[in-house]
C-alpha atoms as a PDB file:
ATOM      1  CA  UNK A   1     -20.777  42.407 -20.418  1.00  0.00           C
ATOM      2  CA  UNK A   2     -22.081  40.427 -17.489  1.00  0.00           C
ATOM      3  CA  UNK A   3     -24.938  41.737 -15.353  1.00  0.00           C
ATOM      4  CA  UNK A   4     -24.753  40.923 -11.622  1.00  0.00           C
ATOM      5  CA  UNK A   5     -27.784  39.524  -9.812  1.00  0.00           C
ATOM      6  CA  UNK A   6     -29.071  40.620  -6.413  1.00  0.00           C
ATOM      7  CA  UNK A   7     -26.770  42.678  -4.182  1.00  0.00           C
ATOM      8  CA  UNK A   8     -23.648  41.718  -6.147  1.00  0.00           C
ATOM      9  CA  UNK A   9     -21.407  44.090  -8.052  1.00  0.00           C
ATOM     10  CA  UNK A  10     -18.786  43.487 -10.712  1.00  0.00           C
ATOM     11  CA  UNK A  11     -15.418  45.126 -10.052  1.00  0.00           C
ATOM     12  CA  UNK A  12     -12.527  45.593 -12.478  1.00  0.00           C
ATOM     13  CA  UNK A  13      -9.358  44.842 -10.559  1.00  0.00           C
ATOM     14  CA  UNK A  14      -6.464  47.133 -11.496  1.00  0.00           C
ATOM     15  CA  UNK A  15      -3.358  45.631 -13.007  1.00  0.00           C
ATOM     16  CA  UNK A  16      -0.989  44.338 -10.355  1.00  0.00           C
ATOM     17  CA  UNK A  17       1.143  47.027  -8.791  1.00  0.00           C
ATOM     18  CA  UNK A  18       4.402  46.267  -7.047  1.00  0.00           C
ATOM     19  CA  UNK A  19       5.531  48.163  -3.970  1.00  0.00           C
ATOM     20  CA  UNK A  20       9.190  48.578  -3.049  1.00  0.00           C
ATOM     21  CA  UNK A  21      10.061  47.962   0.618  1.00  0.00           C
ATOM     22  CA  UNK A  22      12.618  50.000   2.568  1.00  0.00           C
ATOM     23  CA  UNK A  23      15.051  47.094   2.057  1.00  0.00           C
ATOM     24  CA  UNK A  24      14.672  47.307  -1.735  1.00  0.00           C
ATOM     25  CA  UNK A  25      12.450  44.249  -2.202  1.00  0.00           C
ATOM     26  CA  UNK A  26       9.444  44.425  -4.486  1.00  0.00           C
ATOM     27  CA  UNK A  27       6.158  43.059  -3.138  1.00  0.00           C
ATOM     28  CA  UNK A  28       3.470  42.071  -5.622  1.00  0.00           C
ATOM     29  CA  UNK A  29      -0.006  43.361  -4.856  1.00  0.00           C
ATOM     30  CA  UNK A  30      -1.099  39.921  -3.660  1.00  0.00           C
ATOM     31  CA  UNK A  31       1.446  40.153  -0.789  1.00  0.00           C
ATOM     32  CA  UNK A  32       0.406  43.629   0.318  1.00  0.00           C
ATOM     33  CA  UNK A  33      -2.149  44.463   2.966  1.00  0.00           C
ATOM     34  CA  UNK A  34      -4.756  47.179   3.167  1.00  0.00           C
ATOM     35  CA  UNK A  35      -7.005  48.446   0.408  1.00  0.00           C
ATOM     36  CA  UNK A  36      -6.814  49.287  -3.263  1.00  0.00           C
ATOM     37  CA  UNK A  37      -8.816  51.420  -5.639  1.00  0.00           C
ATOM     38  CA  UNK A  38     -10.976  49.633  -8.209  1.00  0.00           C
ATOM     39  CA  UNK A  39     -13.782  50.499 -10.626  1.00  0.00           C
ATOM     40  CA  UNK A  40     -17.381  49.305 -10.481  1.00  0.00           C
ATOM     41  CA  UNK A  41     -18.319  48.080 -13.968  1.00  0.00           C
ATOM     42  CA  UNK A  42     -21.793  46.637 -13.276  1.00  0.00           C
ATOM     43  CA  UNK A  43     -24.290  46.619 -10.407  1.00  0.00           C
ATOM     44  CA  UNK A  44     -27.109  44.214  -9.557  1.00  0.00           C
ATOM     45  CA  UNK A  45     -30.640  45.411  -8.741  1.00  0.00           C
ATOM     46  CA  UNK A  46     -30.065  45.173  -4.977  1.00  0.00           C
ATOM     47  CA  UNK A  47     -30.791  42.776  -2.164  1.00  0.00           C
ATOM     48  CA  UNK A  48     -33.890  41.949  -0.160  1.00  0.00           C
ATOM     49  CA  UNK A  49     -34.511  42.262   3.556  1.00  0.00           C
ATOM     50  CA  UNK A  50     -35.978  39.363   5.514  1.00  0.00           C
ATOM     51  CA  UNK A  51     -39.359  41.107   5.080  1.00  0.00           C
ATOM     52  CA  UNK A  52     -38.985  40.982   1.285  1.00  0.00           C
ATOM     53  CA  UNK A  53     -38.296  44.710   0.820  1.00  0.00           C
ATOM     54  CA  UNK A  54     -35.868  45.565  -2.002  1.00  0.00           C
ATOM     55  CA  UNK A  55     -32.818  47.531  -0.834  1.00  0.00           C
ATOM     56  CA  UNK A  56     -31.416  49.338  -3.896  1.00  0.00           C
ATOM     57  CA  UNK A  57     -27.632  49.459  -4.375  1.00  0.00           C
ATOM     58  CA  UNK A  58     -25.667  52.487  -3.213  1.00  0.00           C
ATOM     59  CA  UNK A  59     -23.002  52.101  -5.901  1.00  0.00           C
ATOM     60  CA  UNK A  60     -23.295  52.787  -9.625  1.00  0.00           C
ATOM     61  CA  UNK A  61     -21.406  51.785 -12.733  1.00  0.00           C
ATOM     62  CA  UNK A  62     -18.285  53.946 -13.024  1.00  0.00           C
ATOM     63  CA  UNK A  63     -17.861  54.525  -9.281  1.00  0.00           C
ATOM     64  CA  UNK A  64     -14.350  54.178  -7.886  1.00  0.00           C
ATOM     65  CA  UNK A  65     -14.231  52.265  -4.636  1.00  0.00           C
ATOM     66  CA  UNK A  66     -11.832  50.927  -2.030  1.00  0.00           C
ATOM     67  CA  UNK A  67     -11.773  47.148  -1.775  1.00  0.00           C
ATOM     68  CA  UNK A  68      -9.515  44.651   0.013  1.00  0.00           C
ATOM     69  CA  UNK A  69      -6.220  44.017  -1.786  1.00  0.00           C
ATOM     70  CA  UNK A  70      -7.267  40.376  -2.044  1.00  0.00           C
ATOM     71  CA  UNK A  71     -11.058  40.629  -2.415  1.00  0.00           C
ATOM     72  CA  UNK A  72     -13.380  37.740  -1.610  1.00  0.00           C
ATOM     73  CA  UNK A  73     -15.656  36.652  -4.415  1.00  0.00           C
ATOM     74  CA  UNK A  74     -15.588  34.945  -7.776  1.00  0.00           C
ATOM     75  CA  UNK A  75     -12.548  36.036  -9.794  1.00  0.00           C
ATOM     76  CA  UNK A  76     -12.261  35.703 -13.565  1.00  0.00           C
ATOM     77  CA  UNK A  77     -10.437  37.182 -16.551  1.00  0.00           C
ATOM     78  CA  UNK A  78     -12.191  38.458 -19.659  1.00  0.00           C
ATOM     79  CA  UNK A  79     -10.521  40.142 -22.629  1.00  0.00           C
ATOM     80  CA  UNK A  80      -7.276  40.504 -20.683  1.00  0.00           C
ATOM     81  CA  UNK A  81      -8.856  42.307 -17.717  1.00  0.00           C
ATOM     82  CA  UNK A  82      -9.288  40.868 -14.214  1.00  0.00           C
ATOM     83  CA  UNK A  83     -12.708  41.047 -12.556  1.00  0.00           C
ATOM     84  CA  UNK A  84     -14.353  39.925  -9.328  1.00  0.00           C
ATOM     85  CA  UNK A  85     -17.996  39.517  -8.363  1.00  0.00           C
ATOM     86  CA  UNK A  86     -18.429  40.643  -4.780  1.00  0.00           C
ATOM     87  CA  UNK A  87     -21.190  41.785  -2.459  1.00  0.00           C
ATOM     88  CA  UNK A  88     -21.684  45.516  -2.258  1.00  0.00           C
ATOM     89  CA  UNK A  89     -21.402  45.245   1.549  1.00  0.00           C
ATOM     90  CA  UNK A  90     -17.777  44.043   1.189  1.00  0.00           C
ATOM     91  CA  UNK A  91     -16.671  47.347  -0.361  1.00  0.00           C
ATOM     92  CA  UNK A  92     -14.856  49.570   2.155  1.00  0.00           C
ATOM     93  CA  UNK A  93     -16.065  52.835   0.654  1.00  0.00           C
ATOM     94  CA  UNK A  94     -16.755  54.943  -2.395  1.00  0.00           C
ATOM     95  CA  UNK A  95     -14.098  57.434  -3.531  1.00  0.00           C
ATOM     96  CA  UNK A  96     -15.692  60.833  -4.068  1.00  0.00           C
ATOM     97  CA  UNK A  97     -14.013  63.741  -5.824  1.00  0.00           C
ATOM     98  CA  UNK A  98     -10.406  62.532  -5.962  1.00  0.00           C
ATOM     99  CA  UNK A  99      -8.173  59.518  -6.378  1.00  0.00           C
ATOM    100  CA  UNK A 100      -7.243  57.917  -3.085  1.00  0.00           C
ATOM    101  CA  UNK A 101      -3.693  57.533  -1.850  1.00  0.00           C
ATOM    102  CA  UNK A 102      -3.795  54.171  -0.118  1.00  0.00           C
ATOM    103  CA  UNK A 103      -1.627  53.638   2.937  1.00  0.00           C
ATOM    104  CA  UNK A 104      -1.354  50.119   4.349  1.00  0.00           C
END
């Protein structure tokens, strides 16, 4: 597995989900808006303030988070799974206790 550096995290992007519109059209995930649930698979050691103080990450491996449907970052595929490196600060929030029902 790949270990992120600094305040970056590695996210496994779920397989593309299609949504059916009221008119019966199917929209691929890349055409949807809002947020989606994803899993954190690796976390860097944290970032540094301008004063050089280490700020540890708030997320951990295994956390489920809400991220943009089309996340910014470096995307790649490994062993058939899609991943993205992104900054922890770009995550909308951590899902605690239940699976989220995302509404656009």
